[in-house]
Amino acid sequence: MPEAPAGSGPRRRAVLAAALTPLAGSGCSGGEAPRTPAPGAQAGPKDALIMVIRHAEKPYAGDVGRDAEGEDDPGSLAGRGWRRAEELPRLFPPARSSSLPRPAAVFAAGGERGAPARCRQTVTALAAALRTPVRTEFAVGAEAALAQAASAAPMPVLVCWEHTGIPRLVSALGAGGVPGVPATWPDRHDLVWMFTRRRGRWSFRELPQHLLPGDA
């Protein structure tokens, strides 16, 4: 029977296995083993820019609004409201020549009459100019779900909402305690509230629209 080469056999294999065991555990010949995230670990919230406006002017007492076909409708915008809606695209020009960026996603209150209809009417011309649909799957009262969807949408986001629901939206975004945020929306239709989240922290700015004569 031929003789086994020197240094071979079960004893040599056992010695090599013992020597290589630490290297197999570290994955390399030296240095620290690569770290892997702990199970369930998540990154912080993504940066966000969410702009909020109130729907444009509604009819005053004794007046009547007009729907998109020009028919009398108390649940639609007043004449001045339609003019504001027509001018709204100027607030978000294609070139970054203003402090307001062009929205990548547009939300408006869902529903048939009253504030929901006025919210949709306010942003219809803007959405057409942006070539983006108006998302109306959330009704007034569903601000928590709206905040979640807006935070997950492409940025920047514009939300047109009923004024009594805006504080609930701000709270659902986690921006209710940010310095400078009013407790309620003022009795005005010519404002933009801009919420910016950087590294998990919100900041707030209130900007005028300056679209129509008489805007503050």
N, C-alpha and C. Protein backbone atom coordinates (compact mmCIF):
# COMPACT_ATOMS: atom_id res chain seq x y z
N MET A 1 0.86 -1.19 0.00
CA MET A 1 0.00 0.00 0.00
C MET A 1 0.89 1.23 0.00
N PRO A 2 0.60 2.31 -0.85
CA PRO A 2 1.50 3.46 -0.91
C PRO A 2 1.46 4.25 0.37
N GLU A 3 2.58 4.83 0.70
CA GLU A 3 2.70 5.58 1.95
C GLU A 3 2.11 6.97 1.78
N ALA A 4 1.34 7.49 2.77
CA ALA A 4 0.74 8.82 2.70
C ALA A 4 1.81 9.88 2.77
N PRO A 5 1.64 10.99 2.01
CA PRO A 5 2.63 12.07 2.06
C PRO A 5 2.79 12.59 3.46
N ALA A 6 3.99 13.09 3.75
CA ALA A 6 4.25 13.65 5.07
C ALA A 6 3.31 14.81 5.35
N GLY A 7 2.88 14.87 6.57
CA GLY A 7 2.03 15.99 6.98
C GLY A 7 0.59 15.85 6.58
N SER A 8 0.18 14.71 6.00
CA SER A 8 -1.22 14.54 5.64
C SER A 8 -1.87 13.64 6.65
N GLY A 9 -3.13 13.36 6.42
CA GLY A 9 -3.84 12.43 7.28
C GLY A 9 -4.74 13.13 8.27
N PRO A 10 -5.45 12.38 9.10
CA PRO A 10 -6.45 12.94 10.03
C PRO A 10 -5.88 13.97 10.97
N ARG A 11 -4.65 13.73 11.48
CA ARG A 11 -4.08 14.68 12.45
C ARG A 11 -3.87 16.05 11.82
N ARG A 12 -3.31 16.07 10.57
CA ARG A 12 -3.07 17.37 9.92
C ARG A 12 -4.39 18.08 9.63
N ARG A 13 -5.39 17.35 9.18
CA ARG A 13 -6.69 17.98 8.90
C ARG A 13 -7.30 18.57 10.16
N ALA A 14 -7.15 17.91 11.28
CA ALA A 14 -7.69 18.44 12.54
C ALA A 14 -6.99 19.73 12.95
N VAL A 15 -5.65 19.77 12.74
CA VAL A 15 -4.89 20.99 13.09
C VAL A 15 -5.31 22.16 12.22
N LEU A 16 -5.48 21.93 10.89
CA LEU A 16 -5.90 23.00 9.98
C LEU A 16 -7.29 23.51 10.33
N ALA A 17 -8.20 22.62 10.66
CA ALA A 17 -9.57 23.03 11.00
C ALA A 17 -9.57 23.91 12.23
N ALA A 18 -8.76 23.57 13.23
CA ALA A 18 -8.70 24.37 14.45
C ALA A 18 -8.13 25.75 14.17
N ALA A 19 -7.15 25.82 13.26
CA ALA A 19 -6.53 27.12 12.95
C ALA A 19 -7.46 28.02 12.17
N LEU A 20 -8.30 27.45 11.31
CA LEU A 20 -9.17 28.26 10.45
C LEU A 20 -10.47 28.66 11.11
N THR A 21 -10.82 28.06 12.21
CA THR A 21 -12.12 28.35 12.85
C THR A 21 -12.29 29.82 13.20
N PRO A 22 -11.29 30.52 13.84
CA PRO A 22 -11.48 31.95 14.14
C PRO A 22 -11.67 32.80 12.91
N LEU A 23 -10.96 32.44 11.78
CA LEU A 23 -11.08 33.24 10.56
C LEU A 23 -12.47 33.09 9.96
N ALA A 24 -13.04 31.91 10.02
CA ALA A 24 -14.39 31.72 9.48
C ALA A 24 -15.40 32.52 10.27
N GLY A 25 -15.20 32.66 11.60
CA GLY A 25 -16.15 33.42 12.41
C GLY A 25 -16.08 34.89 12.13
N SER A 26 -14.87 35.41 11.81
CA SER A 26 -14.76 36.85 11.57
C SER A 26 -15.05 37.22 10.15
N GLY A 27 -14.98 36.28 9.20
CA GLY A 27 -15.25 36.56 7.80
C GLY A 27 -14.08 37.17 7.09
N CYS A 28 -12.94 37.37 7.72
CA CYS A 28 -11.78 37.94 7.07
C CYS A 28 -10.56 37.58 7.88
N SER A 29 -9.39 37.99 7.37
CA SER A 29 -8.16 37.60 8.04
C SER A 29 -7.77 38.55 9.15
N GLY A 30 -8.52 39.66 9.33
CA GLY A 30 -8.18 40.59 10.39
C GLY A 30 -9.21 41.67 10.50
N GLY A 31 -9.20 42.48 11.56
CA GLY A 31 -10.13 43.58 11.75
C GLY A 31 -11.44 43.10 12.33
N GLU A 32 -12.41 44.07 12.48
CA GLU A 32 -13.70 43.78 13.08
C GLU A 32 -14.61 43.05 12.12
N ALA A 33 -15.49 42.26 12.67
CA ALA A 33 -16.52 41.63 11.85
C ALA A 33 -17.50 42.70 11.41
N PRO A 34 -18.06 42.62 10.18
CA PRO A 34 -19.02 43.62 9.73
C PRO A 34 -20.26 43.64 10.60
N ARG A 35 -20.75 44.84 10.88
CA ARG A 35 -21.94 44.98 11.73
C ARG A 35 -23.20 44.94 10.88
N THR A 36 -24.22 44.33 11.40
CA THR A 36 -25.51 44.30 10.73
C THR A 36 -26.52 44.98 11.63
N PRO A 37 -27.53 45.67 11.04
CA PRO A 37 -28.52 46.36 11.86
C PRO A 37 -29.27 45.37 12.75
N ALA A 38 -29.63 45.84 13.92
CA ALA A 38 -30.42 45.00 14.82
C ALA A 38 -31.76 44.69 14.19
N PRO A 39 -32.29 43.50 14.45
CA PRO A 39 -33.60 43.15 13.87
C PRO A 39 -34.65 44.17 14.27
N GLY A 40 -35.45 44.63 13.30
CA GLY A 40 -36.53 45.58 13.58
C GLY A 40 -36.08 47.02 13.60
N ALA A 41 -34.79 47.29 13.45
CA ALA A 41 -34.32 48.68 13.47
C ALA A 41 -34.80 49.42 12.23
N GLN A 42 -35.23 50.68 12.39
CA GLN A 42 -35.76 51.46 11.28
C GLN A 42 -35.07 52.81 11.22
N ALA A 43 -34.96 53.35 10.01
CA ALA A 43 -34.42 54.70 9.84
C ALA A 43 -35.44 55.72 10.33
N GLY A 44 -34.98 56.94 10.61
CA GLY A 44 -35.89 57.98 11.04
C GLY A 44 -36.80 58.42 9.91
N PRO A 45 -37.78 59.31 10.21
CA PRO A 45 -38.69 59.76 9.16
C PRO A 45 -37.95 60.51 8.07
N LYS A 46 -38.43 60.35 6.83
CA LYS A 46 -37.75 60.99 5.71
C LYS A 46 -38.00 62.49 5.73
N ASP A 47 -37.12 63.23 5.08
CA ASP A 47 -37.32 64.67 4.94
C ASP A 47 -38.62 64.91 4.17
N ALA A 48 -39.27 66.02 4.47
CA ALA A 48 -40.57 66.30 3.85
C ALA A 48 -40.77 67.79 3.71
N LEU A 49 -41.58 68.17 2.71
CA LEU A 49 -42.01 69.56 2.53
C LEU A 49 -43.49 69.50 2.16
N ILE A 50 -44.33 69.93 3.09
CA ILE A 50 -45.78 69.85 2.91
C ILE A 50 -46.37 71.25 3.05
N MET A 51 -47.04 71.71 2.00
CA MET A 51 -47.69 73.02 2.00
C MET A 51 -49.19 72.85 2.15
N VAL A 52 -49.79 73.70 2.95
CA VAL A 52 -51.22 73.61 3.24
C VAL A 52 -51.88 74.94 2.90
N ILE A 53 -52.99 74.88 2.16
CA ILE A 53 -53.78 76.07 1.89
C ILE A 53 -55.24 75.78 2.25
N ARG A 54 -55.94 76.83 2.53
CA ARG A 54 -57.40 76.75 2.69
C ARG A 54 -58.03 76.88 1.31
N HIS A 55 -59.21 76.28 1.13
CA HIS A 55 -59.89 76.47 -0.15
C HIS A 55 -60.15 77.95 -0.39
N ALA A 56 -60.36 78.33 -1.62
CA ALA A 56 -60.59 79.73 -1.98
C ALA A 56 -61.96 80.20 -1.47
N GLU A 57 -62.24 81.47 -1.72
CA GLU A 57 -63.39 82.12 -1.10
C GLU A 57 -64.73 81.43 -1.43
N LYS A 58 -65.54 81.29 -0.41
CA LYS A 58 -66.89 80.74 -0.57
C LYS A 58 -67.89 81.89 -0.59
N PRO A 59 -69.15 81.63 -0.96
CA PRO A 59 -70.15 82.70 -0.98
C PRO A 59 -70.42 83.23 0.43
N TYR A 60 -70.57 84.52 0.52
CA TYR A 60 -70.97 85.12 1.79
C TYR A 60 -72.47 84.95 1.98
N ALA A 61 -72.95 85.23 3.19
CA ALA A 61 -74.38 85.08 3.48
C ALA A 61 -75.19 85.92 2.49
N GLY A 62 -76.20 85.33 1.91
CA GLY A 62 -77.04 86.02 0.95
C GLY A 62 -76.54 85.92 -0.47
N ASP A 63 -75.33 85.38 -0.67
CA ASP A 63 -74.78 85.22 -2.01
C ASP A 63 -74.87 83.75 -2.38
N VAL A 64 -74.53 83.43 -3.61
CA VAL A 64 -74.55 82.04 -4.06
C VAL A 64 -73.29 81.76 -4.86
N GLY A 65 -72.77 80.54 -4.73
CA GLY A 65 -71.59 80.17 -5.49
C GLY A 65 -71.95 79.65 -6.87
N ARG A 66 -70.92 79.28 -7.62
CA ARG A 66 -71.11 78.74 -8.96
C ARG A 66 -70.29 77.46 -9.08
N ASP A 67 -70.88 76.45 -9.69
CA ASP A 67 -70.11 75.23 -9.92
C ASP A 67 -69.26 75.39 -11.18
N ALA A 68 -68.57 74.33 -11.59
CA ALA A 68 -67.66 74.42 -12.73
C ALA A 68 -68.39 74.71 -14.03
N GLU A 69 -69.69 74.40 -14.08
CA GLU A 69 -70.48 74.68 -15.29
C GLU A 69 -71.16 76.04 -15.24
N GLY A 70 -70.92 76.81 -14.18
CA GLY A 70 -71.52 78.13 -14.06
C GLY A 70 -72.90 78.14 -13.46
N GLU A 71 -73.36 77.00 -12.98
CA GLU A 71 -74.68 76.94 -12.37
C GLU A 71 -74.61 77.35 -10.89
N ASP A 72 -75.72 77.96 -10.41
CA ASP A 72 -75.78 78.34 -9.00
C ASP A 72 -75.58 77.13 -8.10
N ASP A 73 -74.72 77.27 -7.13
CA ASP A 73 -74.45 76.18 -6.20
C ASP A 73 -73.86 76.76 -4.92
N PRO A 74 -74.60 76.76 -3.82
CA PRO A 74 -74.08 77.34 -2.57
C PRO A 74 -72.87 76.57 -2.02
N GLY A 75 -72.66 75.33 -2.46
CA GLY A 75 -71.52 74.55 -1.99
C GLY A 75 -70.25 74.75 -2.79
N SER A 76 -70.30 75.62 -3.81
CA SER A 76 -69.14 75.87 -4.66
C SER A 76 -68.49 77.21 -4.32
N LEU A 77 -67.44 77.54 -5.04
CA LEU A 77 -66.71 78.78 -4.80
C LEU A 77 -67.52 79.99 -5.24
N ALA A 78 -67.24 81.11 -4.58
CA ALA A 78 -67.76 82.40 -5.04
C ALA A 78 -66.94 82.87 -6.24
N GLY A 79 -67.38 83.97 -6.85
CA GLY A 79 -66.65 84.49 -8.01
C GLY A 79 -65.20 84.78 -7.69
N ARG A 80 -64.94 85.41 -6.54
CA ARG A 80 -63.55 85.70 -6.17
C ARG A 80 -62.78 84.41 -5.93
N GLY A 81 -63.43 83.40 -5.41
CA GLY A 81 -62.78 82.11 -5.19
C GLY A 81 -62.34 81.48 -6.51
N TRP A 82 -63.21 81.56 -7.54
CA TRP A 82 -62.84 81.02 -8.85
C TRP A 82 -61.66 81.79 -9.45
N ARG A 83 -61.63 83.10 -9.22
CA ARG A 83 -60.50 83.88 -9.73
C ARG A 83 -59.20 83.48 -9.04
N ARG A 84 -59.29 83.22 -7.73
CA ARG A 84 -58.09 82.77 -7.02
C ARG A 84 -57.64 81.41 -7.55
N ALA A 85 -58.59 80.51 -7.77
CA ALA A 85 -58.24 79.18 -8.30
C ALA A 85 -57.55 79.29 -9.65
N GLU A 86 -58.04 80.22 -10.50
CA GLU A 86 -57.44 80.40 -11.83
C GLU A 86 -56.01 80.96 -11.74
N GLU A 87 -55.76 81.77 -10.71
CA GLU A 87 -54.44 82.38 -10.55
C GLU A 87 -53.46 81.51 -9.76
N LEU A 88 -53.95 80.47 -9.13
CA LEU A 88 -53.10 79.67 -8.25
C LEU A 88 -51.86 79.11 -8.95
N PRO A 89 -51.91 78.70 -10.22
CA PRO A 89 -50.68 78.21 -10.86
C PRO A 89 -49.53 79.22 -10.83
N ARG A 90 -49.85 80.54 -10.81
CA ARG A 90 -48.78 81.55 -10.76
C ARG A 90 -47.98 81.48 -9.47
N LEU A 91 -48.58 80.88 -8.44
CA LEU A 91 -47.89 80.79 -7.16
C LEU A 91 -46.76 79.76 -7.19
N PHE A 92 -46.83 78.85 -8.17
CA PHE A 92 -45.84 77.77 -8.27
C PHE A 92 -45.27 77.74 -9.69
N PRO A 93 -44.46 78.73 -10.05
CA PRO A 93 -43.95 78.81 -11.43
C PRO A 93 -42.99 77.67 -11.73
N PRO A 94 -42.84 77.33 -13.03
CA PRO A 94 -41.91 76.25 -13.40
C PRO A 94 -40.47 76.52 -12.97
N ALA A 95 -40.01 77.75 -13.18
CA ALA A 95 -38.66 78.10 -12.74
C ALA A 95 -38.73 78.45 -11.25
N ARG A 96 -37.68 78.07 -10.53
CA ARG A 96 -37.66 78.32 -9.08
C ARG A 96 -37.39 79.81 -8.83
N SER A 97 -38.42 80.64 -9.16
CA SER A 97 -38.25 82.08 -8.99
C SER A 97 -39.02 82.59 -7.78
N SER A 98 -39.60 81.68 -7.02
CA SER A 98 -40.32 82.07 -5.81
C SER A 98 -39.87 81.18 -4.67
N SER A 99 -40.36 81.48 -3.47
CA SER A 99 -39.98 80.68 -2.30
C SER A 99 -40.83 79.43 -2.19
N LEU A 100 -41.78 79.23 -3.13
CA LEU A 100 -42.66 78.07 -3.08
C LEU A 100 -42.30 77.10 -4.22
N PRO A 101 -41.92 75.88 -3.90
CA PRO A 101 -41.58 74.91 -4.95
C PRO A 101 -42.84 74.34 -5.58
N ARG A 102 -42.73 73.86 -6.82
CA ARG A 102 -43.87 73.24 -7.50
C ARG A 102 -44.20 71.90 -6.85
N PRO A 103 -45.48 71.69 -6.51
CA PRO A 103 -45.86 70.43 -5.87
C PRO A 103 -45.70 69.25 -6.81
N ALA A 104 -45.28 68.13 -6.25
CA ALA A 104 -45.23 66.87 -6.99
C ALA A 104 -46.48 66.04 -6.74
N ALA A 105 -47.22 66.35 -5.68
CA ALA A 105 -48.47 65.66 -5.37
C ALA A 105 -49.44 66.68 -4.79
N VAL A 106 -50.72 66.55 -5.14
CA VAL A 106 -51.75 67.49 -4.71
C VAL A 106 -52.90 66.70 -4.08
N PHE A 107 -53.27 67.10 -2.87
CA PHE A 107 -54.39 66.49 -2.16
C PHE A 107 -55.48 67.55 -1.95
N ALA A 108 -56.74 67.12 -2.02
CA ALA A 108 -57.87 67.98 -1.69
C ALA A 108 -58.91 67.14 -0.97
N ALA A 109 -59.71 67.80 -0.14
CA ALA A 109 -60.73 67.07 0.62
C ALA A 109 -61.68 66.36 -0.33
N GLY A 110 -62.03 65.12 0.02
CA GLY A 110 -62.98 64.36 -0.78
C GLY A 110 -64.39 64.56 -0.25
N GLY A 111 -65.37 64.34 -1.10
CA GLY A 111 -66.77 64.54 -0.75
C GLY A 111 -67.49 65.27 -1.86
N GLU A 112 -68.78 65.48 -1.68
CA GLU A 112 -69.59 66.00 -2.78
C GLU A 112 -69.84 67.50 -2.71
N ARG A 113 -70.22 68.02 -1.53
CA ARG A 113 -70.66 69.41 -1.46
C ARG A 113 -69.90 70.16 -0.38
N GLY A 114 -70.12 71.49 -0.38
CA GLY A 114 -69.52 72.32 0.66
C GLY A 114 -68.02 72.39 0.53
N ALA A 115 -67.34 72.33 1.67
CA ALA A 115 -65.88 72.49 1.68
C ALA A 115 -65.16 71.50 0.76
N PRO A 116 -65.55 70.21 0.73
CA PRO A 116 -64.83 69.30 -0.18
C PRO A 116 -64.88 69.74 -1.64
N ALA A 117 -66.06 70.16 -2.11
CA ALA A 117 -66.16 70.61 -3.50
C ALA A 117 -65.29 71.86 -3.72
N ARG A 118 -65.31 72.76 -2.78
CA ARG A 118 -64.52 73.99 -2.92
C ARG A 118 -63.03 73.69 -2.90
N CYS A 119 -62.61 72.70 -2.11
CA CYS A 119 -61.18 72.33 -2.09
C CYS A 119 -60.76 71.81 -3.46
N ARG A 120 -61.55 70.94 -4.05
CA ARG A 120 -61.21 70.40 -5.37
C ARG A 120 -61.20 71.51 -6.42
N GLN A 121 -62.22 72.38 -6.36
CA GLN A 121 -62.29 73.47 -7.34
C GLN A 121 -61.08 74.40 -7.22
N THR A 122 -60.59 74.59 -6.01
CA THR A 122 -59.46 75.50 -5.80
C THR A 122 -58.20 75.03 -6.50
N VAL A 123 -57.97 73.72 -6.54
CA VAL A 123 -56.70 73.21 -7.07
C VAL A 123 -56.82 72.57 -8.46
N THR A 124 -58.01 72.65 -9.08
CA THR A 124 -58.18 72.00 -10.39
C THR A 124 -57.26 72.60 -11.45
N ALA A 125 -57.24 73.92 -11.56
CA ALA A 125 -56.39 74.57 -12.57
C ALA A 125 -54.91 74.31 -12.29
N LEU A 126 -54.53 74.34 -11.02
CA LEU A 126 -53.14 74.08 -10.67
C LEU A 126 -52.75 72.66 -11.04
N ALA A 127 -53.58 71.69 -10.71
CA ALA A 127 -53.26 70.30 -11.02
C ALA A 127 -53.13 70.10 -12.53
N ALA A 128 -53.98 70.79 -13.31
CA ALA A 128 -53.86 70.69 -14.77
C ALA A 128 -52.53 71.25 -15.24
N ALA A 129 -52.11 72.38 -14.66
CA ALA A 129 -50.83 72.98 -15.05
C ALA A 129 -49.66 72.08 -14.65
N LEU A 130 -49.80 71.39 -13.52
CA LEU A 130 -48.74 70.49 -13.05
C LEU A 130 -48.78 69.13 -13.74
N ARG A 131 -49.89 68.86 -14.43
CA ARG A 131 -50.12 67.55 -15.06
C ARG A 131 -50.04 66.43 -14.04
N THR A 132 -50.72 66.66 -12.93
CA THR A 132 -50.78 65.65 -11.88
C THR A 132 -52.23 65.54 -11.40
N PRO A 133 -52.69 64.36 -11.01
CA PRO A 133 -54.07 64.23 -10.54
C PRO A 133 -54.23 64.84 -9.15
N VAL A 134 -55.48 65.19 -8.84
CA VAL A 134 -55.81 65.63 -7.49
C VAL A 134 -56.26 64.41 -6.70
N ARG A 135 -55.59 64.14 -5.60
CA ARG A 135 -55.95 63.00 -4.77
C ARG A 135 -57.04 63.41 -3.79
N THR A 136 -58.20 62.76 -3.89
CA THR A 136 -59.37 63.14 -3.09
C THR A 136 -59.93 61.96 -2.31
N GLU A 137 -59.09 60.99 -1.98
CA GLU A 137 -59.60 59.81 -1.29
C GLU A 137 -59.86 60.01 0.19
N PHE A 138 -59.49 61.20 0.74
CA PHE A 138 -59.67 61.45 2.17
C PHE A 138 -60.69 62.56 2.39
N ALA A 139 -61.64 62.32 3.28
CA ALA A 139 -62.67 63.31 3.60
C ALA A 139 -62.24 64.13 4.82
N VAL A 140 -62.86 65.28 5.00
CA VAL A 140 -62.63 66.08 6.20
C VAL A 140 -62.98 65.20 7.40
N GLY A 141 -62.09 65.14 8.37
CA GLY A 141 -62.24 64.24 9.51
C GLY A 141 -61.25 63.09 9.46
N ALA A 142 -60.68 62.82 8.28
CA ALA A 142 -59.70 61.73 8.13
C ALA A 142 -58.29 62.29 8.03
N GLU A 143 -58.01 63.28 8.85
CA GLU A 143 -56.71 63.96 8.76
C GLU A 143 -55.53 63.04 9.12
N ALA A 144 -55.74 62.07 10.01
CA ALA A 144 -54.64 61.16 10.37
C ALA A 144 -54.22 60.33 9.16
N ALA A 145 -55.19 59.80 8.43
CA ALA A 145 -54.87 59.03 7.22
C ALA A 145 -54.27 59.92 6.14
N LEU A 146 -54.79 61.15 6.02
CA LEU A 146 -54.24 62.10 5.05
C LEU A 146 -52.79 62.41 5.37
N ALA A 147 -52.47 62.63 6.64
CA ALA A 147 -51.09 62.95 7.03
C ALA A 147 -50.15 61.81 6.67
N GLN A 148 -50.60 60.59 6.87
CA GLN A 148 -49.77 59.43 6.54
C GLN A 148 -49.52 59.35 5.03
N ALA A 149 -50.59 59.55 4.24
CA ALA A 149 -50.44 59.47 2.79
C ALA A 149 -49.59 60.63 2.25
N ALA A 150 -49.80 61.82 2.78
CA ALA A 150 -49.02 62.97 2.33
C ALA A 150 -47.54 62.79 2.64
N SER A 151 -47.24 62.23 3.81
CA SER A 151 -45.84 62.02 4.19
C SER A 151 -45.16 60.99 3.32
N ALA A 152 -45.94 60.06 2.77
CA ALA A 152 -45.37 59.01 1.92
C ALA A 152 -45.34 59.39 0.44
N ALA A 153 -46.00 60.48 0.07
CA ALA A 153 -46.10 60.88 -1.34
C ALA A 153 -44.80 61.53 -1.81
N PRO A 154 -44.63 61.65 -3.14
CA PRO A 154 -43.47 62.40 -3.65
C PRO A 154 -43.51 63.84 -3.16
N MET A 155 -42.37 64.36 -2.81
CA MET A 155 -42.28 65.72 -2.30
C MET A 155 -41.89 66.68 -3.41
N PRO A 156 -42.33 67.95 -3.29
CA PRO A 156 -43.17 68.56 -2.26
C PRO A 156 -44.65 68.19 -2.45
N VAL A 157 -45.42 68.37 -1.37
CA VAL A 157 -46.85 68.05 -1.36
C VAL A 157 -47.63 69.33 -1.08
N LEU A 158 -48.77 69.47 -1.77
CA LEU A 158 -49.71 70.56 -1.48
C LEU A 158 -51.03 69.94 -1.04
N VAL A 159 -51.58 70.43 0.07
CA VAL A 159 -52.87 69.98 0.57
C VAL A 159 -53.81 71.18 0.62
N CYS A 160 -54.97 71.06 -0.02
CA CYS A 160 -56.02 72.08 0.07
C CYS A 160 -57.13 71.50 0.94
N TRP A 161 -57.43 72.18 2.05
CA TRP A 161 -58.30 71.58 3.06
C TRP A 161 -59.27 72.59 3.64
N GLU A 162 -60.24 72.07 4.35
CA GLU A 162 -61.22 72.91 5.05
C GLU A 162 -60.56 73.46 6.31
N HIS A 163 -60.81 74.75 6.61
CA HIS A 163 -59.98 75.42 7.62
C HIS A 163 -60.11 74.80 9.01
N THR A 164 -61.29 74.29 9.38
CA THR A 164 -61.42 73.72 10.73
C THR A 164 -60.65 72.40 10.87
N GLY A 165 -60.37 71.73 9.75
CA GLY A 165 -59.62 70.47 9.81
C GLY A 165 -58.11 70.64 9.72
N ILE A 166 -57.66 71.85 9.37
CA ILE A 166 -56.21 72.04 9.19
C ILE A 166 -55.44 71.84 10.50
N PRO A 167 -55.91 72.35 11.66
CA PRO A 167 -55.17 72.06 12.89
C PRO A 167 -55.06 70.57 13.19
N ARG A 168 -56.08 69.79 12.85
CA ARG A 168 -56.00 68.34 13.06
C ARG A 168 -54.94 67.72 12.14
N LEU A 169 -54.85 68.23 10.91
CA LEU A 169 -53.83 67.74 9.98
C LEU A 169 -52.44 68.07 10.51
N VAL A 170 -52.25 69.29 10.97
CA VAL A 170 -50.95 69.70 11.50
C VAL A 170 -50.55 68.81 12.67
N SER A 171 -51.51 68.54 13.55
CA SER A 171 -51.23 67.68 14.70
C SER A 171 -50.89 66.26 14.24
N ALA A 172 -51.61 65.75 13.24
CA ALA A 172 -51.35 64.39 12.74
C ALA A 172 -49.99 64.29 12.09
N LEU A 173 -49.50 65.36 11.50
CA LEU A 173 -48.16 65.37 10.92
C LEU A 173 -47.07 65.36 11.99
N GLY A 174 -47.45 65.71 13.22
CA GLY A 174 -46.46 65.81 14.29
C GLY A 174 -45.85 67.19 14.38
N ALA A 175 -46.50 68.19 13.78
CA ALA A 175 -45.95 69.55 13.74
C ALA A 175 -46.74 70.52 14.61
N GLY A 176 -47.62 70.00 15.45
CA GLY A 176 -48.49 70.88 16.23
C GLY A 176 -47.76 71.75 17.23
N GLY A 177 -46.63 71.27 17.75
CA GLY A 177 -45.91 72.05 18.75
C GLY A 177 -44.78 72.89 18.20
N VAL A 178 -44.70 73.01 16.87
CA VAL A 178 -43.61 73.77 16.26
C VAL A 178 -43.82 75.26 16.53
N PRO A 179 -42.78 75.98 16.93
CA PRO A 179 -42.92 77.41 17.20
C PRO A 179 -43.48 78.16 15.99
N GLY A 180 -44.44 79.06 16.27
CA GLY A 180 -45.00 79.91 15.23
C GLY A 180 -46.26 79.37 14.59
N VAL A 181 -46.60 78.08 14.78
CA VAL A 181 -47.79 77.53 14.15
C VAL A 181 -49.02 78.01 14.90
N PRO A 182 -49.94 78.74 14.25
CA PRO A 182 -51.15 79.19 14.95
C PRO A 182 -52.02 78.01 15.39
N ALA A 183 -52.79 78.23 16.43
CA ALA A 183 -53.67 77.17 16.93
C ALA A 183 -54.83 76.92 15.97
N THR A 184 -55.25 77.96 15.26
CA THR A 184 -56.34 77.83 14.29
C THR A 184 -55.96 78.56 13.01
N TRP A 185 -56.61 78.18 11.92
CA TRP A 185 -56.39 78.90 10.66
C TRP A 185 -57.11 80.24 10.74
N PRO A 186 -56.45 81.34 10.39
CA PRO A 186 -57.11 82.66 10.46
C PRO A 186 -58.20 82.80 9.41
N ASP A 187 -59.02 83.84 9.55
CA ASP A 187 -60.13 84.07 8.63
C ASP A 187 -59.60 84.69 7.33
N ARG A 188 -58.80 83.92 6.61
CA ARG A 188 -58.19 84.38 5.37
C ARG A 188 -58.07 83.22 4.39
N HIS A 189 -58.06 83.56 3.09
CA HIS A 189 -57.92 82.57 2.03
C HIS A 189 -56.63 82.76 1.23
N ASP A 190 -55.77 83.68 1.67
CA ASP A 190 -54.62 84.08 0.85
C ASP A 190 -53.30 83.71 1.50
N LEU A 191 -53.27 82.57 2.21
CA LEU A 191 -52.06 82.16 2.91
C LEU A 191 -51.61 80.77 2.46
N VAL A 192 -50.33 80.51 2.65
CA VAL A 192 -49.77 79.16 2.50
C VAL A 192 -49.01 78.86 3.79
N TRP A 193 -49.33 77.72 4.40
CA TRP A 193 -48.54 77.24 5.53
C TRP A 193 -47.56 76.20 4.99
N MET A 194 -46.28 76.40 5.23
CA MET A 194 -45.26 75.51 4.71
C MET A 194 -44.54 74.83 5.88
N PHE A 195 -44.60 73.50 5.88
CA PHE A 195 -43.97 72.69 6.92
C PHE A 195 -42.81 71.92 6.28
N THR A 196 -41.62 72.09 6.84
CA THR A 196 -40.43 71.43 6.32
C THR A 196 -39.85 70.55 7.42
N ARG A 197 -39.63 69.28 7.09
CA ARG A 197 -39.01 68.35 8.05
C ARG A 197 -37.62 67.99 7.56
N ARG A 198 -36.63 68.27 8.40
CA ARG A 198 -35.24 67.95 8.12
C ARG A 198 -34.70 67.17 9.32
N ARG A 199 -34.16 65.99 9.04
CA ARG A 199 -33.58 65.14 10.09
C ARG A 199 -34.56 64.93 11.24
N GLY A 200 -35.82 64.76 10.89
CA GLY A 200 -36.83 64.43 11.89
C GLY A 200 -37.43 65.62 12.61
N ARG A 201 -37.00 66.83 12.30
CA ARG A 201 -37.50 68.03 13.00
C ARG A 201 -38.27 68.93 12.03
N TRP A 202 -39.45 69.37 12.44
CA TRP A 202 -40.28 70.24 11.63
C TRP A 202 -39.94 71.71 11.86
N SER A 203 -40.04 72.50 10.80
CA SER A 203 -40.02 73.96 10.90
C SER A 203 -41.23 74.50 10.14
N PHE A 204 -41.57 75.75 10.40
CA PHE A 204 -42.82 76.31 9.86
C PHE A 204 -42.59 77.71 9.31
N ARG A 205 -43.25 77.98 8.17
CA ARG A 205 -43.31 79.34 7.62
C ARG A 205 -44.72 79.61 7.13
N GLU A 206 -45.17 80.85 7.33
CA GLU A 206 -46.45 81.29 6.78
C GLU A 206 -46.16 82.30 5.68
N LEU A 207 -46.67 82.05 4.48
CA LEU A 207 -46.36 82.90 3.33
C LEU A 207 -47.64 83.45 2.72
N PRO A 208 -47.63 84.70 2.24
CA PRO A 208 -48.80 85.26 1.57
C PRO A 208 -48.87 84.79 0.12
N GLN A 209 -50.08 84.72 -0.42
CA GLN A 209 -50.23 84.34 -1.83
C GLN A 209 -50.04 85.51 -2.77
N HIS A 210 -50.59 86.69 -2.43
CA HIS A 210 -50.47 87.87 -3.28
C HIS A 210 -50.94 87.57 -4.72
N LEU A 211 -52.11 86.95 -4.83
CA LEU A 211 -52.64 86.60 -6.15
C LEU A 211 -53.70 87.56 -6.65
N LEU A 212 -54.49 88.14 -5.74
CA LEU A 212 -55.61 88.99 -6.13
C LEU A 212 -55.52 90.35 -5.44
N PRO A 213 -56.09 91.39 -6.05
CA PRO A 213 -56.17 92.68 -5.36
C PRO A 213 -56.89 92.51 -4.02
N GLY A 214 -56.33 93.10 -3.01
CA GLY A 214 -56.92 92.98 -1.68
C GLY A 214 -56.26 91.92 -0.82
N ASP A 215 -55.43 91.04 -1.43
CA ASP A 215 -54.68 90.09 -0.60
C ASP A 215 -53.73 90.83 0.30
N ALA A 216 -53.61 90.38 1.51
CA ALA A 216 -52.76 91.08 2.48
C ALA A 216 -51.29 90.88 2.12
